[in-house]
């Protein structure tokens, strides 16, 4: 492995008469002694040719040692020296972190004859550099530019001087990381192995390198086989390219393990032996999967006056974690109930008091004035809430900025919220009731609660927000008019 040297540009630090920090500046010297003559510190650091090209840590062994700083420092006899190095995103070091140190000399070294010179070489492993870069920039495998400086603490007697080096850089380093794509899909027996009918994994909508977890709930028959298609495979299929060369699976075709490693080369199909609902989870940072059988229906049906009291065609709430807490958006117009199946022959939930559900078949119905509601039903506690919502756009790209929502209009026929407005370049989100209790962001094709801000270029746009079915996911269509 090639050692990487960081030598920083030279600078001269004066002694106590200079503009250095003196930790004893408020302590007067004893009057019985003459003040010592000002003493000079010569501290030099350099950046070298090895950093003229970007450094990619993915190409280096994690335990390999790297020389990251070389300094020379001259001071008077008996001075004790400690060198600290720092990195920052910006040359002004408004934010920075200290780097770890495994130096070839102790972190504190006493200078001695004949030259009273310290040659200081700071060492770090590739793994330590990787951790520092990820702390500063996050886990995404981007080529990050940062700046470096050092400072020396030089102590002589009871007095200490601290002086900073000049800032050098930028230095470009790419941290280690496996590729994590923005979306993943199921392909298998559950959808006839049809790339046109992929089943999308859910995700928080946040940066995938900060949250690499994806999951999906699906009903399967006994001995179902499946693989995992990343976003790139889906896009390849849509453009007429190779879909199957990009799918992921297991090293052994037909592996029926409920959890294991995901591979990209010669990927075999994963097998689910038992029928029923299962939750399939992915950790794409570790490239692992997990299959969890579930014995709970992921749907709760909402028949009522708004749709003719027919459970088979009723809108549904959804439990993403199979914890019997169901949520979703439904247009209501008067009385309604919940049913555990799309019929009246199983468990039904009616009004048991304010915010209380009961399974008594003769119970009254819940009531909601006409409007678009966010419903939450906790069947563990037999409680429910109904929150009327009015939706709007919010963000520095919108007319109201981050202070006031731009109202959207609800269309009962299409069950969508719509607005056409001028937008400036910036970011936006969707939120309900001019408040932050309910807000959606992240991927526009799979919006999530409290998801990231959505970037957009300036122009006149029509926004169509669809919140009709939690299984399909909340989404928006953005059409640029001019």
Protein backbone atom coordinates (compact mmCIF):
# COMPACT_ATOMS: atom_id res chain seq x y z
CA UNK A 1 0.00 0.00 0.00
CA UNK A 2 1.29 3.40 -0.86
CA UNK A 3 1.93 5.74 2.07
CA UNK A 4 0.31 9.13 1.76
CA UNK A 5 2.34 12.06 3.07
CA UNK A 6 0.78 15.31 4.17
CA UNK A 7 3.39 18.01 4.57
CA UNK A 8 1.97 21.45 5.34
CA UNK A 9 3.22 24.92 4.21
CA UNK A 10 5.85 26.56 6.38
CA UNK A 11 5.16 29.30 8.83
CA UNK A 12 7.06 31.06 11.55
CA UNK A 13 5.72 31.45 15.07
CA UNK A 14 7.23 34.01 17.36
CA UNK A 15 7.52 33.67 21.10
CA UNK A 16 5.82 35.54 23.86
CA UNK A 17 6.35 38.90 22.17
CA UNK A 18 4.30 37.69 19.19
CA UNK A 19 0.52 37.28 18.81
CA UNK A 20 0.39 33.78 20.27
CA UNK A 21 -1.97 32.64 23.01
CA UNK A 22 -0.26 32.86 26.39
CA UNK A 23 -2.11 30.73 28.93
CA UNK A 24 -0.40 32.69 31.75
CA UNK A 25 -0.83 36.16 30.32
CA UNK A 26 -2.57 37.36 33.50
CA UNK A 27 0.22 36.11 35.78
CA UNK A 28 2.93 38.72 36.44
CA UNK A 29 6.54 37.43 36.64
CA UNK A 30 8.25 37.63 40.04
CA UNK A 31 9.83 41.08 40.37
CA UNK A 32 12.99 39.64 41.90
CA UNK A 33 13.91 38.00 38.57
CA UNK A 34 14.73 39.65 35.32
CA UNK A 35 12.32 38.91 32.47
CA UNK A 36 13.75 36.38 30.06
CA UNK A 37 14.54 37.49 26.55
CA UNK A 38 11.84 36.62 24.01
CA UNK A 39 12.54 33.23 22.49
CA UNK A 40 11.70 32.16 18.97
CA UNK A 41 9.89 29.04 17.72
CA UNK A 42 10.45 27.81 14.20
CA UNK A 43 7.61 25.42 13.27
CA UNK A 44 7.27 24.19 9.69
CA UNK A 45 4.74 21.87 8.06
CA UNK A 46 4.27 20.89 4.42
CA UNK A 47 1.84 19.36 1.94
CA UNK A 48 3.43 17.11 -0.65
CA UNK A 49 2.99 15.78 -4.16
CA UNK A 50 1.15 12.61 -3.03
CA UNK A 51 -1.99 14.68 -2.48
CA UNK A 52 -1.92 16.28 -5.92
CA UNK A 53 -4.29 13.50 -7.02
CA UNK A 54 -7.45 12.46 -5.11
CA UNK A 55 -7.09 9.67 -2.54
CA UNK A 56 -9.69 6.87 -2.63
CA UNK A 57 -9.73 4.92 0.63
CA UNK A 58 -11.71 2.10 -1.03
CA UNK A 59 -8.45 1.14 -2.78
CA UNK A 60 -6.46 0.85 0.47
CA UNK A 61 -6.30 -1.70 3.29
CA UNK A 62 -8.17 -0.50 6.43
CA UNK A 63 -5.30 -1.33 8.81
CA UNK A 64 -2.59 0.18 6.64
CA UNK A 65 -0.64 3.03 8.24
CA UNK A 66 -0.54 6.39 6.52
CA UNK A 67 1.79 9.30 7.24
CA UNK A 68 -0.62 12.20 7.40
CA UNK A 69 1.56 15.03 8.71
CA UNK A 70 5.26 15.83 8.92
CA UNK A 71 6.45 18.80 10.95
CA UNK A 72 9.75 20.19 12.13
CA UNK A 73 9.92 22.47 15.13
CA UNK A 74 12.86 24.30 16.71
CA UNK A 75 12.64 25.93 20.10
CA UNK A 76 14.88 26.64 23.08
CA UNK A 77 16.51 24.04 25.27
CA UNK A 78 14.11 22.14 27.52
CA UNK A 79 10.87 23.16 25.79
CA UNK A 80 8.14 20.50 25.63
CA UNK A 81 6.15 20.27 22.40
CA UNK A 82 2.74 18.81 21.48
CA UNK A 83 1.35 18.92 17.93
CA UNK A 84 -2.37 18.65 17.09
CA UNK A 85 -3.85 18.46 13.58
CA UNK A 86 -7.38 19.41 12.47
CA UNK A 87 -9.52 19.16 9.32
CA UNK A 88 -12.44 21.34 8.18
CA UNK A 89 -14.83 21.63 5.25
CA UNK A 90 -13.88 25.27 4.80
CA UNK A 91 -10.65 27.25 4.82
CA UNK A 92 -11.95 29.49 7.63
CA UNK A 93 -12.30 26.46 9.96
CA UNK A 94 -15.75 27.59 11.10
CA UNK A 95 -16.35 23.89 11.88
CA UNK A 96 -13.57 21.37 12.35
CA UNK A 97 -12.62 18.11 14.03
CA UNK A 98 -9.35 17.02 15.62
CA UNK A 99 -7.69 14.04 13.97
CA UNK A 100 -6.49 11.07 15.97
CA UNK A 101 -2.77 10.54 16.29
CA UNK A 102 -0.47 7.52 16.37
CA UNK A 103 2.77 9.41 15.95
CA UNK A 104 6.23 8.01 15.47
CA UNK A 105 7.22 10.23 18.40
CA UNK A 106 5.22 10.79 21.60
CA UNK A 107 2.52 13.44 21.40
CA UNK A 108 4.50 15.44 23.97
CA UNK A 109 8.25 15.53 23.37
CA UNK A 110 10.94 17.45 25.26
CA UNK A 111 13.46 19.13 22.98
CA UNK A 112 17.12 18.49 23.71
CA UNK A 113 20.58 19.22 22.26
CA UNK A 114 22.23 19.51 19.88
CA UNK A 115 19.61 21.18 17.66
CA UNK A 116 16.58 21.43 19.96
CA UNK A 117 14.58 20.19 16.98
CA UNK A 118 11.51 17.96 16.86
CA UNK A 119 10.75 16.02 13.71
CA UNK A 120 7.12 15.00 14.13
CA UNK A 121 5.42 12.43 11.86
CA UNK A 122 1.75 11.80 12.62
CA UNK A 123 0.42 8.38 11.66
CA UNK A 124 -3.16 7.21 11.15
CA UNK A 125 -4.64 4.01 9.78
CA UNK A 126 -6.85 4.13 6.70
CA UNK A 127 -9.78 3.18 8.98
CA UNK A 128 -9.08 6.18 11.26
CA UNK A 129 -8.92 8.57 8.31
CA UNK A 130 -12.11 7.02 6.96
CA UNK A 131 -13.91 7.61 10.26
CA UNK A 132 -12.74 11.24 10.41
CA UNK A 133 -13.92 12.00 6.86
CA UNK A 134 -17.30 10.35 7.52
CA UNK A 135 -17.68 12.35 10.74
CA UNK A 136 -17.12 15.54 8.78
CA UNK A 137 -19.06 14.76 5.58
CA UNK A 138 -21.31 11.75 6.22
CA UNK A 139 -21.10 8.19 4.91
CA UNK A 140 -21.72 8.75 1.20
CA UNK A 141 -18.73 7.66 -0.95
CA UNK A 142 -18.21 11.10 -2.46
CA UNK A 143 -14.86 12.71 -3.24
CA UNK A 144 -14.75 15.26 -0.41
CA UNK A 145 -12.51 18.30 -0.35
CA UNK A 146 -11.28 19.48 3.04
CA UNK A 147 -8.61 21.70 4.54
CA UNK A 148 -5.91 20.91 7.08
CA UNK A 149 -4.10 22.90 9.71
CA UNK A 150 -2.07 22.12 12.81
CA UNK A 151 -1.19 23.87 16.00
CA UNK A 152 1.68 23.39 18.41
CA UNK A 153 1.61 23.72 22.17
CA UNK A 154 5.15 24.65 23.30
CA UNK A 155 5.79 24.77 27.04
CA UNK A 156 8.86 26.20 28.73
CA UNK A 157 8.80 26.38 32.50
CA UNK A 158 5.37 27.58 33.58
CA UNK A 159 4.41 29.22 30.30
CA UNK A 160 2.77 27.72 27.21
CA UNK A 161 2.45 29.13 23.71
CA UNK A 162 -0.14 27.88 21.20
CA UNK A 163 0.19 28.86 17.54
CA UNK A 164 -1.71 27.68 14.48
CA UNK A 165 -0.18 26.80 11.16
CA UNK A 166 -1.32 28.23 7.89
CA UNK A 167 -4.29 26.45 6.34
CA UNK A 168 -3.46 24.17 3.42
CA UNK A 169 -5.69 22.40 0.95
CA UNK A 170 -8.03 21.43 -0.32
CA UNK A 171 -7.16 17.75 0.02
CA UNK A 172 -9.51 15.30 -1.73
CA UNK A 173 -10.39 11.98 -0.07
CA UNK A 174 -13.17 9.49 -0.89
CA UNK A 175 -14.31 7.46 2.16
CA UNK A 176 -15.09 3.75 2.00
CA UNK A 177 -18.67 2.67 1.35
CA UNK A 178 -20.68 0.10 -0.53
CA UNK A 179 -22.95 1.50 -3.21
CA UNK A 180 -26.44 2.19 -1.84
CA UNK A 181 -29.02 3.06 -4.49
CA UNK A 182 -31.99 5.37 -3.84
CA UNK A 183 -34.60 2.59 -4.19
CA UNK A 184 -34.95 -1.21 -4.25
CA UNK A 185 -37.70 -3.50 -5.59
CA UNK A 186 -38.91 -7.09 -5.25
CA UNK A 187 -38.90 -9.29 -8.35
CA UNK A 188 -40.10 -12.89 -8.03
CA UNK A 189 -43.01 -15.29 -7.85
CA UNK A 190 -45.17 -12.68 -6.12
CA UNK A 191 -45.22 -10.55 -9.30
CA UNK A 192 -44.62 -13.22 -11.93
CA UNK A 193 -40.96 -12.20 -12.33
CA UNK A 194 -42.22 -9.28 -14.37
CA UNK A 195 -39.89 -6.22 -14.40
CA UNK A 196 -42.90 -4.07 -15.30
CA UNK A 197 -44.65 -4.93 -12.02
CA UNK A 198 -41.91 -4.46 -9.44
CA UNK A 199 -42.84 -4.10 -5.75
CA UNK A 200 -41.02 -1.20 -4.14
CA UNK A 201 -39.36 -1.37 -0.72
CA UNK A 202 -40.32 1.39 1.72
CA UNK A 203 -37.69 3.82 3.01
CA UNK A 204 -37.62 6.79 5.38
CA UNK A 205 -36.82 9.21 2.53
CA UNK A 206 -33.66 10.41 4.26
CA UNK A 207 -30.12 10.10 2.92
CA UNK A 208 -29.60 6.39 2.20
CA UNK A 209 -26.08 6.47 3.62
CA UNK A 210 -27.45 7.73 6.93
CA UNK A 211 -30.43 5.34 6.81
CA UNK A 212 -29.57 2.26 4.70
CA UNK A 213 -32.65 0.27 5.80
CA UNK A 214 -35.43 -0.70 3.38
CA UNK A 215 -38.48 -2.90 4.03
CA UNK A 216 -41.62 -4.22 2.38
CA UNK A 217 -44.70 -6.17 3.51
CA UNK A 218 -45.99 -8.70 1.03
CA UNK A 219 -48.27 -11.77 0.96
CA UNK A 220 -46.59 -14.88 -0.46
CA UNK A 221 -47.56 -18.43 -1.35
CA UNK A 222 -45.60 -21.42 -0.04
CA UNK A 223 -42.16 -21.87 -1.66
CA UNK A 224 -41.98 -18.37 -3.12
CA UNK A 225 -38.72 -17.29 -4.74
CA UNK A 226 -37.55 -13.71 -5.15
CA UNK A 227 -34.60 -11.44 -5.89
CA UNK A 228 -33.89 -7.76 -5.27
CA UNK A 229 -33.76 -5.19 -8.07
CA UNK A 230 -31.94 -1.90 -7.38
CA UNK A 231 -33.05 1.36 -8.98
CA UNK A 232 -30.33 1.05 -11.64
CA UNK A 233 -31.76 -2.29 -12.85
CA UNK A 234 -35.24 -0.78 -13.09
CA UNK A 235 -33.89 2.16 -15.10
CA UNK A 236 -31.93 -0.19 -17.35
CA UNK A 237 -35.12 -2.13 -18.12
CA UNK A 238 -37.06 1.06 -18.84
CA UNK A 239 -34.40 2.17 -21.32
CA UNK A 240 -34.17 -1.23 -23.04
CA UNK A 241 -30.97 -2.28 -21.29
CA UNK A 242 -29.97 -5.32 -19.22
CA UNK A 243 -32.25 -5.73 -16.21
CA UNK A 244 -31.23 -9.16 -14.93
CA UNK A 245 -27.52 -8.41 -14.85
CA UNK A 246 -28.15 -5.87 -12.13
CA UNK A 247 -30.37 -7.81 -9.73
CA UNK A 248 -29.20 -8.93 -6.27
CA UNK A 249 -29.74 -12.18 -4.41
CA UNK A 250 -27.91 -14.86 -2.44
CA UNK A 251 -24.73 -16.79 -3.15
CA UNK A 252 -26.70 -20.08 -3.22
CA UNK A 253 -29.78 -20.27 -5.43
CA UNK A 254 -32.84 -21.34 -3.44
CA UNK A 255 -31.36 -20.38 -0.06
CA UNK A 256 -34.27 -20.63 2.43
CA UNK A 257 -32.47 -18.88 5.30
CA UNK A 258 -34.59 -16.20 6.96
CA UNK A 259 -31.57 -13.87 6.99
CA UNK A 260 -28.24 -13.69 5.27
CA UNK A 261 -25.88 -11.86 2.94
CA UNK A 262 -26.85 -10.19 -0.34
CA UNK A 263 -24.55 -10.63 -3.33
CA UNK A 264 -24.39 -8.98 -6.75
CA UNK A 265 -22.27 -11.54 -8.65
CA UNK A 266 -24.06 -14.72 -9.80
CA UNK A 267 -27.00 -13.82 -7.55
CA UNK A 268 -29.36 -16.69 -6.74
CA UNK A 269 -33.00 -16.45 -5.66
CA UNK A 270 -34.05 -16.34 -2.01
CA UNK A 271 -36.73 -18.86 -1.03
CA UNK A 272 -39.62 -18.31 1.41
CA UNK A 273 -40.98 -21.71 2.40
CA UNK A 274 -44.20 -20.82 4.26
CA UNK A 275 -47.21 -18.94 2.94
CA UNK A 276 -48.63 -15.77 4.53
CA UNK A 277 -47.61 -12.19 5.07
CA UNK A 278 -43.89 -11.54 5.46
CA UNK A 279 -41.80 -8.46 6.13
CA UNK A 280 -38.60 -8.39 4.05
CA UNK A 281 -35.93 -6.01 5.37
CA UNK A 282 -32.68 -4.89 3.75
CA UNK A 283 -29.60 -3.33 5.33
CA UNK A 284 -27.74 -2.04 2.30
CA UNK A 285 -24.82 -0.72 4.30
CA UNK A 286 -24.05 -4.29 5.37
CA UNK A 287 -25.66 -5.92 2.28
CA UNK A 288 -27.88 -8.21 4.34
CA UNK A 289 -31.55 -9.26 4.23
CA UNK A 290 -34.06 -10.57 6.75
CA UNK A 291 -37.44 -12.29 6.22
CA UNK A 292 -39.94 -12.12 9.10
CA UNK A 293 -43.22 -14.08 8.92
CA UNK A 294 -46.19 -12.00 10.11
CA UNK A 295 -49.56 -13.21 11.38
CA UNK A 296 -51.29 -9.82 11.27
CA UNK A 297 -53.24 -8.42 8.35
CA UNK A 298 -51.34 -5.28 7.24
CA UNK A 299 -54.61 -3.59 6.27
CA UNK A 300 -57.54 -2.14 8.19
CA UNK A 301 -60.61 -1.25 6.13
CA UNK A 302 -62.69 1.92 6.52
CA UNK A 303 -66.26 1.43 5.25
CA UNK A 304 -68.79 4.19 5.86
CA UNK A 305 -71.08 6.83 4.52
CA UNK A 306 -68.28 8.16 2.32
CA UNK A 307 -68.34 5.06 0.08
CA UNK A 308 -71.62 3.22 0.60
CA UNK A 309 -70.72 0.99 3.56
CA UNK A 310 -69.07 -1.70 1.43
CA UNK A 311 -65.93 -3.14 3.09
CA UNK A 312 -64.78 -4.85 -0.11
CA UNK A 313 -64.29 -1.48 -1.81
CA UNK A 314 -63.44 0.57 1.27
CA UNK A 315 -60.25 2.64 1.56
CA UNK A 316 -57.57 1.05 3.74
CA UNK A 317 -55.23 1.99 6.54
CA UNK A 318 -51.85 0.28 6.74
CA UNK A 319 -49.47 -0.95 9.43
CA UNK A 320 -45.94 -0.60 8.12
CA UNK A 321 -44.30 -2.42 11.05
CA UNK A 322 -47.03 -5.02 11.57
CA UNK A 323 -47.47 -3.68 15.11
CA UNK A 324 -51.28 -3.31 14.78
CA UNK A 325 -51.00 0.48 14.63
CA UNK A 326 -52.72 1.50 11.38
CA UNK A 327 -52.49 4.89 9.70
CA UNK A 328 -53.57 6.52 6.45
CA UNK A 329 -55.53 9.30 4.75
CA UNK A 330 -59.24 8.90 3.98
CA UNK A 331 -61.99 11.23 2.81
CA UNK A 332 -64.85 10.90 5.32
CA UNK A 333 -68.41 12.21 5.16
CA UNK A 334 -70.32 11.29 8.30
CA UNK A 335 -70.42 7.88 10.00
CA UNK A 336 -67.85 5.11 9.53
CA UNK A 337 -66.31 2.00 11.14
CA UNK A 338 -63.17 -0.14 10.87
CA UNK A 339 -63.16 -3.79 9.75
CA UNK A 340 -60.30 -6.28 10.05
CA UNK A 341 -61.15 -7.89 6.70
CA UNK A 342 -62.88 -6.59 3.54
CA UNK A 343 -66.22 -7.91 4.83
CA UNK A 344 -68.54 -7.78 7.86
CA UNK A 345 -67.85 -11.39 8.91
CA UNK A 346 -64.72 -10.77 11.01
CA UNK A 347 -63.77 -8.31 13.75
CA UNK A 348 -65.38 -4.87 13.40
CA UNK A 349 -64.45 -1.78 15.42
CA UNK A 350 -66.98 0.87 16.45
CA UNK A 351 -67.34 3.86 18.77
CA UNK A 352 -66.53 3.06 22.39
CA UNK A 353 -66.24 6.65 23.61
CA UNK A 354 -64.14 9.67 22.62
CA UNK A 355 -61.00 8.25 21.04
CA UNK A 356 -61.94 4.71 22.12
CA UNK A 357 -62.69 1.70 19.91
CA UNK A 358 -64.80 -1.31 20.80
CA UNK A 359 -65.27 -4.71 19.12
CA UNK A 360 -68.93 -4.83 20.22
CA UNK A 361 -70.86 -5.63 17.06
CA UNK A 362 -73.74 -3.41 18.16
CA UNK A 363 -71.58 -0.36 18.88
CA UNK A 364 -72.33 3.03 17.36
CA UNK A 365 -70.40 4.33 14.40
CA UNK A 366 -67.63 6.92 14.57
CA UNK A 367 -68.60 10.31 13.10
CA UNK A 368 -66.56 12.83 11.12
CA UNK A 369 -67.79 15.96 9.31
CA UNK A 370 -67.01 15.90 5.58
CA UNK A 371 -63.30 16.34 5.01
CA UNK A 372 -59.94 14.74 4.29
CA UNK A 373 -58.62 12.99 7.41
CA UNK A 374 -55.46 11.44 8.75
CA UNK A 375 -56.65 8.36 10.66
CA UNK A 376 -54.71 6.38 13.25
CA UNK A 377 -56.10 3.23 14.88
CA UNK A 378 -54.14 1.38 17.57
CA UNK A 379 -55.73 -2.07 17.87
CA UNK A 380 -53.43 -2.97 20.78
CA UNK A 381 -54.91 -0.19 22.93
CA UNK A 382 -58.25 0.04 21.08
CA UNK A 383 -57.81 3.78 20.49
CA UNK A 384 -58.16 6.00 17.43
CA UNK A 385 -57.66 9.58 16.28
CA UNK A 386 -59.12 11.46 13.32
CA UNK A 387 -57.38 14.65 12.22
CA UNK A 388 -58.90 16.80 9.48
CA UNK A 389 -56.16 18.02 7.14
CA UNK A 390 -55.73 20.81 4.61
CA UNK A 391 -52.49 20.55 2.64
CA UNK A 392 -50.03 23.06 1.23
CA UNK A 393 -46.50 23.65 -0.05
CA UNK A 394 -43.81 25.04 2.24
CA UNK A 395 -40.14 25.95 1.66
CA UNK A 396 -37.78 28.63 0.42
CA UNK A 397 -38.79 27.76 -3.16
CA UNK A 398 -42.48 28.57 -2.47
CA UNK A 399 -44.21 31.97 -2.42
CA UNK A 400 -44.56 31.88 1.37
CA UNK A 401 -41.02 30.69 2.08
CA UNK A 402 -40.63 28.64 5.25
CA UNK A 403 -43.07 30.88 7.12
CA UNK A 404 -46.43 30.20 5.44
CA UNK A 405 -47.83 27.31 3.41
CA UNK A 406 -49.06 27.84 -0.15
CA UNK A 407 -52.58 26.31 -0.06
CA UNK A 408 -53.50 23.32 -2.19
CA UNK A 409 -57.03 22.41 -3.36
CA UNK A 410 -58.63 19.02 -2.72
CA UNK A 411 -60.37 17.23 -5.60
CA UNK A 412 -62.88 14.64 -4.41
CA UNK A 413 -63.09 12.91 -7.78
CA UNK A 414 -59.37 12.13 -8.08
CA UNK A 415 -58.74 12.15 -4.32
CA UNK A 416 -55.73 14.45 -4.78
CA UNK A 417 -54.47 17.84 -3.64
CA UNK A 418 -53.38 20.28 -6.37
CA UNK A 419 -51.83 23.72 -6.77
CA UNK A 420 -50.28 25.64 -9.67
CA UNK A 421 -47.80 28.31 -8.63
CA UNK A 422 -44.54 30.07 -9.47
CA UNK A 423 -41.50 28.52 -7.81
CA UNK A 424 -37.97 29.85 -7.30
CA UNK A 425 -34.94 27.57 -7.25
CA UNK A 426 -34.65 26.04 -3.80
CA UNK A 427 -36.38 23.39 -1.69
CA UNK A 428 -39.91 22.53 -0.62
CA UNK A 429 -42.01 20.01 1.29
CA UNK A 430 -45.70 19.29 1.84
CA UNK A 431 -47.35 19.95 5.19
CA UNK A 432 -50.85 19.88 6.69
CA UNK A 433 -52.75 22.59 8.54
CA UNK A 434 -49.95 25.19 8.31
CA UNK A 435 -48.06 23.23 10.99
CA UNK A 436 -45.26 20.67 11.20
CA UNK A 437 -47.11 17.83 12.95
CA UNK A 438 -47.79 16.21 9.56
CA UNK A 439 -45.23 16.90 6.83
CA UNK A 440 -43.98 14.87 3.88
CA UNK A 441 -40.71 14.97 1.96
CA UNK A 442 -37.98 12.80 0.45
CA UNK A 443 -38.50 10.88 -2.79
CA UNK A 444 -41.44 12.39 -4.72
CA UNK A 445 -42.52 8.91 -5.85
CA UNK A 446 -42.53 7.61 -2.27
CA UNK A 447 -43.02 10.52 0.13
CA UNK A 448 -42.40 9.86 3.82
CA UNK A 449 -43.26 11.65 7.04
CA UNK A 450 -40.49 14.09 8.05
CA UNK A 451 -38.56 13.20 4.88
CA UNK A 452 -35.81 15.40 3.47
CA UNK A 453 -36.46 18.70 1.69
CA UNK A 454 -37.09 18.31 -2.05
CA UNK A 455 -34.92 20.37 -4.43
CA UNK A 456 -36.49 22.11 -7.44
CA UNK A 457 -35.51 24.62 -10.12
CA UNK A 458 -37.41 27.84 -10.64
CA UNK A 459 -40.48 28.00 -12.91
CA UNK A 460 -44.25 27.66 -12.96
CA UNK A 461 -45.38 24.22 -11.80
CA UNK A 462 -48.48 22.18 -11.10
CA UNK A 463 -48.16 19.95 -8.01
CA UNK A 464 -50.50 16.96 -7.56
CA UNK A 465 -50.29 15.27 -4.14
CA UNK A 466 -51.75 11.75 -3.81
CA UNK A 467 -52.37 10.43 -0.29
CA UNK A 468 -54.95 7.78 -1.00
CA UNK A 469 -53.36 4.46 -0.08
CA UNK A 470 -50.54 3.84 2.39
CA UNK A 471 -49.55 0.52 0.84
CA UNK A 472 -48.82 2.18 -2.50
CA UNK A 473 -47.14 5.03 -0.68
CA UNK A 474 -47.75 8.74 -0.73
CA UNK A 475 -46.52 10.46 -3.88
CA UNK A 476 -46.65 13.65 -5.89
CA UNK A 477 -46.56 14.51 -9.57
CA UNK A 478 -44.75 17.71 -10.53
CA UNK A 479 -45.47 19.21 -13.96
CA UNK A 480 -43.47 22.19 -15.20
CA UNK A 481 -45.70 24.56 -17.18
CA UNK A 482 -43.07 27.14 -18.14
